[in-house]
Protein backbone atom coordinates (compact mmCIF):
# COMPACT_ATOMS: atom_id res chain seq x y z
CA MET A 1 -9.81 -52.72 8.59
CA LYS A 2 -8.84 -51.86 5.00
CA ARG A 3 -12.27 -50.33 4.45
CA PHE A 4 -11.91 -48.23 7.62
CA LEU A 5 -8.47 -46.96 6.59
CA SER A 6 -9.80 -46.07 3.15
CA TYR A 7 -12.65 -44.14 4.78
CA LEU A 8 -10.22 -42.37 7.14
CA VAL A 9 -7.88 -41.36 4.30
CA GLY A 10 -10.84 -40.08 2.31
CA LEU A 11 -12.05 -38.07 5.28
CA LEU A 12 -8.59 -36.55 5.83
CA VAL A 13 -8.30 -35.63 2.15
CA MET A 14 -11.74 -34.02 2.28
CA LEU A 15 -10.83 -32.02 5.41
CA LEU A 16 -7.56 -30.91 3.81
CA LEU A 17 -9.39 -29.81 0.68
CA ILE A 18 -12.00 -27.87 2.67
CA SER A 19 -9.29 -26.25 4.79
CA THR A 20 -7.30 -25.23 1.71
CA VAL A 21 -10.34 -23.74 -0.01
CA PHE A 22 -11.31 -21.87 3.18
CA PHE A 23 -7.76 -20.55 3.65
CA TYR A 24 -7.56 -19.08 0.16
CA TRP A 25 -11.09 -17.73 0.31
CA ALA A 26 -10.65 -16.16 3.75
CA SER A 27 -7.30 -14.52 2.89
CA SER A 28 -8.55 -13.13 -0.41
CA SER A 29 -9.25 -9.42 -0.78
CA THR A 30 -12.66 -7.78 -1.08
CA LEU A 31 -11.47 -4.64 -2.89
CA ASP A 32 -9.52 -3.80 -6.00
CA SER A 33 -6.00 -2.92 -4.81
CA ALA A 34 -6.22 0.28 -6.89
CA SER A 35 -8.68 1.59 -4.28
CA TYR A 36 -6.27 1.08 -1.36
CA ALA A 37 -5.00 4.65 -1.73
CA SER A 38 -7.54 7.41 -2.26
CA LEU A 39 -7.54 11.18 -1.92
CA ARG A 40 -10.94 12.83 -1.89
CA GLN A 41 -12.68 16.07 -1.09
CA ASN A 42 -16.06 16.50 0.58
CA SER A 43 -18.58 18.97 -0.78
CA PHE A 44 -19.35 20.67 2.53
CA GLU A 45 -17.62 23.84 3.66
CA THR A 46 -15.34 23.80 6.67
CA ALA A 47 -14.35 26.53 9.10
CA VAL A 48 -10.69 27.13 9.96
CA ASP A 49 -9.08 29.46 12.47
CA THR A 50 -6.68 32.04 11.09
CA ASP A 51 -4.73 32.84 14.26
CA SER A 52 -1.45 31.48 12.84
CA VAL A 53 -1.48 28.54 15.30
CA TYR A 54 -2.43 25.16 13.85
CA SER A 55 -3.07 21.80 15.47
CA ILE A 56 -2.53 18.21 14.48
CA VAL A 57 -3.47 15.02 16.35
CA THR A 58 -2.22 11.47 15.96
CA TYR A 59 -4.52 8.74 17.26
CA ASN A 60 -4.40 4.96 17.04
CA ILE A 61 -8.13 4.61 17.31
CA GLY A 62 -7.98 0.83 17.74
CA TYR A 63 -11.17 0.52 15.63
CA LEU A 64 -13.00 1.98 18.67
CA SER A 65 -12.76 -1.33 20.53
CA GLY A 66 -11.21 0.20 23.64
CA MET A 67 -9.51 -2.23 25.97
CA THR A 68 -11.26 -5.18 24.28
CA ASN A 69 -8.88 -4.83 21.31
CA ASN A 70 -7.80 -8.29 20.05
CA LYS A 71 -9.46 -10.02 23.00
CA ALA A 72 -11.84 -12.94 22.57
CA VAL A 73 -14.74 -11.20 24.27
CA GLU A 74 -18.17 -10.12 23.12
CA LYS A 75 -18.13 -6.67 21.49
CA PRO A 76 -21.70 -5.44 21.06
CA LYS A 77 -22.48 -2.54 18.74
CA SER A 78 -23.39 -0.44 21.79
CA LEU A 79 -19.70 -0.59 22.84
CA PHE A 80 -18.59 0.97 19.55
CA ASP A 81 -21.42 3.49 19.54
CA THR A 82 -20.41 4.66 23.02
CA HIS A 83 -16.75 4.97 22.06
CA LEU A 84 -17.55 6.79 18.82
CA LYS A 85 -19.72 9.28 20.70
CA ARG A 86 -16.89 9.93 23.15
CA VAL A 87 -14.31 10.39 20.37
CA LEU A 88 -16.55 12.76 18.41
CA GLY A 89 -17.24 14.81 21.53
CA ALA A 90 -13.56 15.03 22.46
CA LEU A 91 -12.49 15.93 18.92
CA GLU A 92 -15.12 18.63 18.77
CA LYS A 93 -13.60 20.24 21.88
CA VAL A 94 -9.97 19.84 20.82
CA ASN A 95 -10.89 20.95 17.28
CA PRO A 96 -7.66 19.92 15.51
CA ASP A 97 -7.02 21.13 11.97
CA ILE A 98 -5.61 17.74 10.98
CA ILE A 99 -6.10 14.23 12.37
CA ALA A 100 -3.84 11.26 11.54
CA LEU A 101 -5.52 7.98 12.43
CA GLN A 102 -4.28 4.40 12.63
CA GLU A 103 -6.33 1.18 12.96
CA ILE A 104 -9.51 2.76 11.64
CA ASP A 105 -12.22 0.51 10.19
CA TYR A 106 -13.96 1.32 6.92
CA ASP A 107 -16.04 -1.83 6.53
CA ALA A 108 -15.44 -4.51 9.14
CA GLU A 109 -17.68 -7.04 10.81
CA ARG A 110 -15.64 -6.70 14.01
CA SER A 111 -16.89 -3.09 14.37
CA HIS A 112 -20.38 -3.78 13.01
CA GLN A 113 -19.59 -2.41 9.53
CA VAL A 114 -19.62 1.25 10.56
CA ASN A 115 -17.38 3.44 8.38
CA GLN A 116 -15.50 5.20 11.17
CA GLU A 117 -13.71 7.57 8.79
CA GLU A 118 -17.00 8.92 7.44
CA ALA A 119 -18.37 9.37 10.96
CA ILE A 120 -15.37 11.49 12.03
CA GLU A 121 -15.04 13.56 8.86
CA LYS A 122 -18.55 14.92 9.40
CA LEU A 123 -17.06 17.09 12.16
CA GLY A 124 -15.87 19.33 9.33
CA TYR A 125 -12.92 17.60 7.67
CA LYS A 126 -13.20 18.34 3.98
CA TYR A 127 -10.03 16.62 2.73
CA ILE A 128 -9.36 12.91 3.26
CA ALA A 129 -6.35 10.71 2.46
CA LYS A 130 -7.24 7.06 2.98
CA GLY A 131 -4.87 4.08 3.06
CA VAL A 132 -6.25 0.56 3.35
CA ASN A 133 -3.77 -1.84 4.93
CA TRP A 134 -5.97 -4.80 5.90
CA ASP A 135 -8.43 -6.30 3.43
CA GLU A 136 -9.49 -9.82 4.35
CA ARG A 137 -12.66 -11.64 3.40
CA TYR A 138 -12.65 -13.53 6.68
CA LEU A 139 -10.13 -13.09 9.50
CA PRO A 140 -10.12 -16.12 11.85
CA PHE A 141 -8.86 -14.15 14.85
CA PRO A 142 -9.01 -14.27 17.86
CA TYR A 143 -8.47 -17.95 17.20
CA TRP A 144 -10.90 -19.35 19.76
CA PRO A 145 -13.81 -19.54 20.05
CA PRO A 146 -14.82 -19.18 16.37
CA SER A 147 -17.78 -17.02 17.41
CA MET A 148 -15.24 -14.29 18.30
CA HIS A 149 -13.59 -14.25 14.85
CA PHE A 150 -13.27 -10.79 13.29
CA GLY A 151 -14.73 -11.99 10.00
CA LYS A 152 -14.52 -9.51 7.11
CA VAL A 153 -12.06 -6.66 7.77
CA VAL A 154 -11.34 -3.56 5.69
CA SER A 155 -9.19 -1.28 7.81
CA GLY A 156 -6.27 1.13 7.58
CA GLN A 157 -4.95 4.64 8.16
CA SER A 158 -6.55 8.00 7.40
CA ILE A 159 -5.50 11.64 7.37
CA LEU A 160 -8.42 14.05 7.78
CA SER A 161 -7.78 17.75 7.19
CA LYS A 162 -9.56 21.08 7.13
CA TYR A 163 -6.85 22.31 4.76
CA PRO A 164 -6.32 21.03 1.20
CA LEU A 165 -4.33 17.82 0.69
CA LYS A 166 -2.37 16.90 -2.44
CA ASP A 167 0.38 14.63 -3.82
CA TYR A 168 -0.71 11.64 -1.76
CA GLU A 169 1.31 8.42 -1.65
CA ARG A 170 0.62 5.17 0.18
CA ILE A 171 3.90 3.36 0.89
CA VAL A 172 3.85 -0.28 2.02
CA LEU A 173 6.66 -0.97 4.49
CA PRO A 174 8.69 -4.23 4.55
CA ARG A 175 7.01 -7.32 6.02
CA VAL A 176 8.31 -9.72 8.67
CA GLU A 177 10.71 -11.89 6.66
CA ASP A 178 10.37 -15.17 8.54
CA SER A 179 6.64 -15.11 9.18
CA PRO A 180 4.98 -18.49 8.44
CA PHE A 181 2.84 -18.53 5.29
CA TYR A 182 -0.47 -18.80 7.14
CA ARG A 183 0.30 -15.64 9.15
CA ASP A 184 1.80 -13.82 6.19
CA ALA A 185 -1.40 -14.40 4.21
CA PHE A 186 -3.35 -12.41 6.82
CA TYR A 187 -0.60 -9.87 7.57
CA LEU A 188 -1.67 -6.33 8.43
CA GLU A 189 0.39 -4.25 5.98
CA ARG A 190 2.39 -1.59 7.78
CA LEU A 191 1.97 1.69 5.97
CA LEU A 192 3.53 5.09 5.59
CA GLN A 193 1.12 7.71 4.28
CA VAL A 194 2.79 10.74 2.70
CA VAL A 195 0.74 13.79 1.72
CA LYS A 196 1.17 17.54 1.42
CA VAL A 197 -1.20 19.87 3.24
CA THR A 198 -1.43 23.46 2.07
CA ILE A 199 -1.75 25.90 4.98
CA GLU A 200 -1.83 29.61 4.20
CA ASN A 201 -0.09 29.06 0.85
CA ARG A 202 2.65 26.91 2.39
CA ASP A 203 3.04 23.18 1.79
CA VAL A 204 3.69 21.00 4.84
CA VAL A 205 4.55 17.31 4.34
CA LEU A 206 2.74 14.88 6.63
CA LEU A 207 3.96 11.33 7.19
CA ASN A 208 1.52 9.06 9.04
CA VAL A 209 2.99 5.73 10.10
CA HIS A 210 2.06 2.55 11.95
CA LEU A 211 5.13 0.39 12.58
CA GLU A 212 5.34 -3.35 13.22
CA ALA A 213 4.25 -4.25 16.74
CA PHE A 214 5.66 -7.72 17.34
CA ASP A 215 9.01 -8.04 15.54
CA LYS A 216 11.74 -5.57 16.53
CA LYS A 217 14.02 -6.36 13.59
CA THR A 218 11.23 -5.61 11.13
CA ARG A 219 10.28 -2.47 13.06
CA ALA A 220 13.87 -1.19 12.69
CA ILE A 221 13.86 -1.94 8.95
CA GLN A 222 10.55 -0.13 8.56
CA LEU A 223 11.76 2.91 10.48
CA ALA A 224 14.83 3.08 8.23
CA ALA A 225 12.51 3.28 5.21
CA VAL A 226 10.44 5.96 6.96
CA MET A 227 13.52 8.00 7.86
CA LYS A 228 14.63 7.94 4.23
CA GLU A 229 11.33 9.57 3.23
CA PHE A 230 11.45 12.00 6.15
CA LYS A 231 14.95 13.20 5.25
CA LYS A 232 14.01 13.56 1.60
CA TYR A 233 11.06 15.84 2.32
CA SER A 234 12.42 17.70 5.34
CA ALA A 235 15.27 19.05 3.21
CA SER A 236 12.76 21.19 1.32
CA TYR A 237 9.51 21.35 3.31
CA PRO A 238 8.23 21.80 6.83
CA THR A 239 7.66 18.15 7.73
CA ILE A 240 5.68 16.32 10.40
CA LEU A 241 6.18 12.59 11.08
CA LEU A 242 3.58 11.10 13.39
CA GLY A 243 1.77 7.92 14.31
CA ASP A 244 2.10 4.70 16.27
CA PHE A 245 5.77 3.71 16.35
CA ASN A 246 5.30 0.73 18.70
CA SER A 247 8.53 1.72 20.44
CA ASP A 248 8.87 2.91 24.03
CA PRO A 249 11.94 4.84 25.30
CA LYS A 250 12.44 2.21 28.03
CA TYR A 251 12.82 -0.67 25.57
CA THR A 252 16.29 -2.12 25.13
CA ASP A 253 17.72 -0.23 22.13
CA PRO A 254 14.35 1.28 21.11
CA VAL A 255 14.20 1.87 17.36
CA VAL A 256 12.62 5.28 17.96
CA GLN A 257 15.86 6.41 19.63
CA GLU A 258 17.15 7.39 16.19
CA LEU A 259 14.55 10.15 16.09
CA PHE A 260 15.27 11.22 19.65
CA ASP A 261 18.98 11.63 18.81
CA ALA A 262 18.62 13.28 15.40
CA PRO A 263 19.47 17.00 15.41
CA GLY A 264 16.79 19.46 14.39
CA ILE A 265 13.83 17.13 15.04
CA GLY A 266 11.29 18.23 17.64
CA ASN A 267 9.18 15.77 19.62
CA ALA A 268 5.78 17.03 20.77
CA ALA A 269 4.77 16.56 24.40
CA PHE A 270 8.03 14.80 25.15
CA SER A 271 11.29 15.39 26.92
CA LYS A 272 13.77 12.77 28.09
CA ASP A 273 12.79 13.07 31.74
CA ASN A 274 9.18 14.18 31.37
CA TYR A 275 6.61 12.58 29.13
CA ASP A 276 3.11 11.17 29.40
CA LEU A 277 2.30 7.61 28.36
CA THR A 278 -0.11 6.64 25.59
CA PHE A 279 -0.62 2.87 26.02
CA ASP A 280 -2.68 1.29 27.37
CA THR A 281 -5.60 3.47 28.40
CA ALA A 282 -6.64 1.42 31.43
CA LYS A 283 -3.24 1.65 33.15
CA PRO A 284 -0.76 3.47 30.88
CA PHE A 285 2.73 1.97 30.99
CA GLU A 286 4.29 2.79 27.58
CA ARG A 287 4.78 5.71 25.20
CA LEU A 288 4.20 4.39 21.68
CA ASP A 289 2.69 7.38 19.88
CA TYR A 290 4.63 10.46 18.77
CA ILE A 291 4.61 13.63 16.69
CA PHE A 292 8.02 14.62 15.32
CA PHE A 293 8.61 17.83 13.35
CA THR A 294 11.32 19.90 11.70
CA GLU A 295 12.43 22.55 14.21
CA LYS A 296 13.92 24.85 11.59
CA THR A 297 10.49 25.42 10.02
CA LEU A 298 7.93 24.62 12.73
CA LEU A 299 7.65 25.83 16.31
CA GLU A 300 5.87 23.84 19.03
CA VAL A 301 3.39 26.12 20.75
CA GLU A 302 1.98 23.32 22.88
CA GLY A 303 2.05 19.55 22.92
CA LYS A 304 0.13 17.11 25.07
CA VAL A 305 -1.30 13.63 25.43
CA LEU A 306 -5.09 13.92 25.26
CA LYS A 307 -6.37 11.98 28.23
CA GLU A 308 -9.98 13.09 27.79
CA PHE A 309 -10.46 10.43 25.09
CA GLY A 310 -10.47 7.81 27.85
CA GLN A 311 -10.77 4.16 26.88
CA ALA A 312 -12.40 4.60 23.47
CA SER A 313 -9.18 3.01 22.19
CA ASP A 314 -6.30 1.22 23.89
CA HIS A 315 -4.13 4.20 22.86
CA LEU A 316 -4.35 7.86 23.82
CA PRO A 317 -3.93 10.58 21.16
CA VAL A 318 -1.10 13.11 21.04
CA GLU A 319 -1.63 16.72 19.93
CA LEU A 320 0.82 19.27 18.56
CA ARG A 321 -0.14 22.94 18.30
CA PHE A 322 2.40 24.66 16.07
CA LYS A 323 3.20 27.75 14.07
CA PHE A 324 5.58 28.44 11.24
CA VAL A 325 9.06 29.69 12.02
CA LYS A 326 9.41 33.06 10.31
C-alpha cells in the first residue's frame, strides 16, 4: 500500500510538472513585443478617386471563419479560401479608401497560417498600420476535443489605406480585473489603434477599436479610455472612431449609449429607430459594429451595413462615405 501511494504521489507530481511546463510554454509569445505595432508602406502604386467623397469600412473579419468562429468543429483550409475569395471580391466592388479590421490573423494555425492582411492589401492598399493583440504559442481552445485547439495564434487589428498613414499608436486597453490567472495568461488584448491619415493635405485621425466582449464592467472602462483619446483628437482634427464595440442598443444600459448621446458625434448607417444589424451573419440579431465621426468636420454622404459579404465572418461590415465640411 505504501509503495502504491508513493507511486501515485510521484505520478501526480509528474503530471503537475508537465502541466506547469506546458502552461508556460503555451502562453508564451512567439514575437518580440516591439513588433506588435508596425506602420509600413508597400512599394506598389495605388489608384485613388479624387471626387471629394471618401469611404471607410469597419469589419470584424472573424479570421475568415464565418459562423464556425470559436466552435469546436472542423475548419478545413477550403473554408477559409472560400471566405477570403468572397471578401476580396466584395471589397473590390465596394472599393473603400480605408479599411479598419478586427480579428485578423497574421500567422495562425487556426486559419492555416495564411497572412490575411497581406492577402487584402494586394487589392491596392499601400499603407498599413498593424496591431498584434494575440500572440500565443499554443492556444488550447476550444477546450474539447484537443484536435480542435487553435494552436499557435498571431492575430490582431489592421488599418489598410490608399492614403498615407502617420503618427501611429497602439494602445492596450484595461484587462478584466478578476479574470483567473489561467484565462488572463491567454487573454486577447483589447486594442485601440490611433493613426492619422492624410487626405488631400488634411489629416484625419482614425481610431480602430475592439472592446471586451464578455465583461460589461471592463467594456465600460475600456470605452472611457477610448473616449478620452477621441475627445483629445476631435478637438483639433476631423476624427473617426470605428470598430467592434460589442454593445447593442437594446442591452440594459449599453456602454455605447455614451456615444449615441454625445453632441456633435455622427453615427453612420444608424438612427435610433432605423438601423441594420451586424451580428451574427446567419440570423442577425445585434448591432455591435459602428462608425462614429465628428459632425463639425465630416459630412455623411452615405452609410450602410454591407450585406454582400455574407457569412465570410460572423460580423457584417459597416461603410461610411463622407466628405469634408467646408
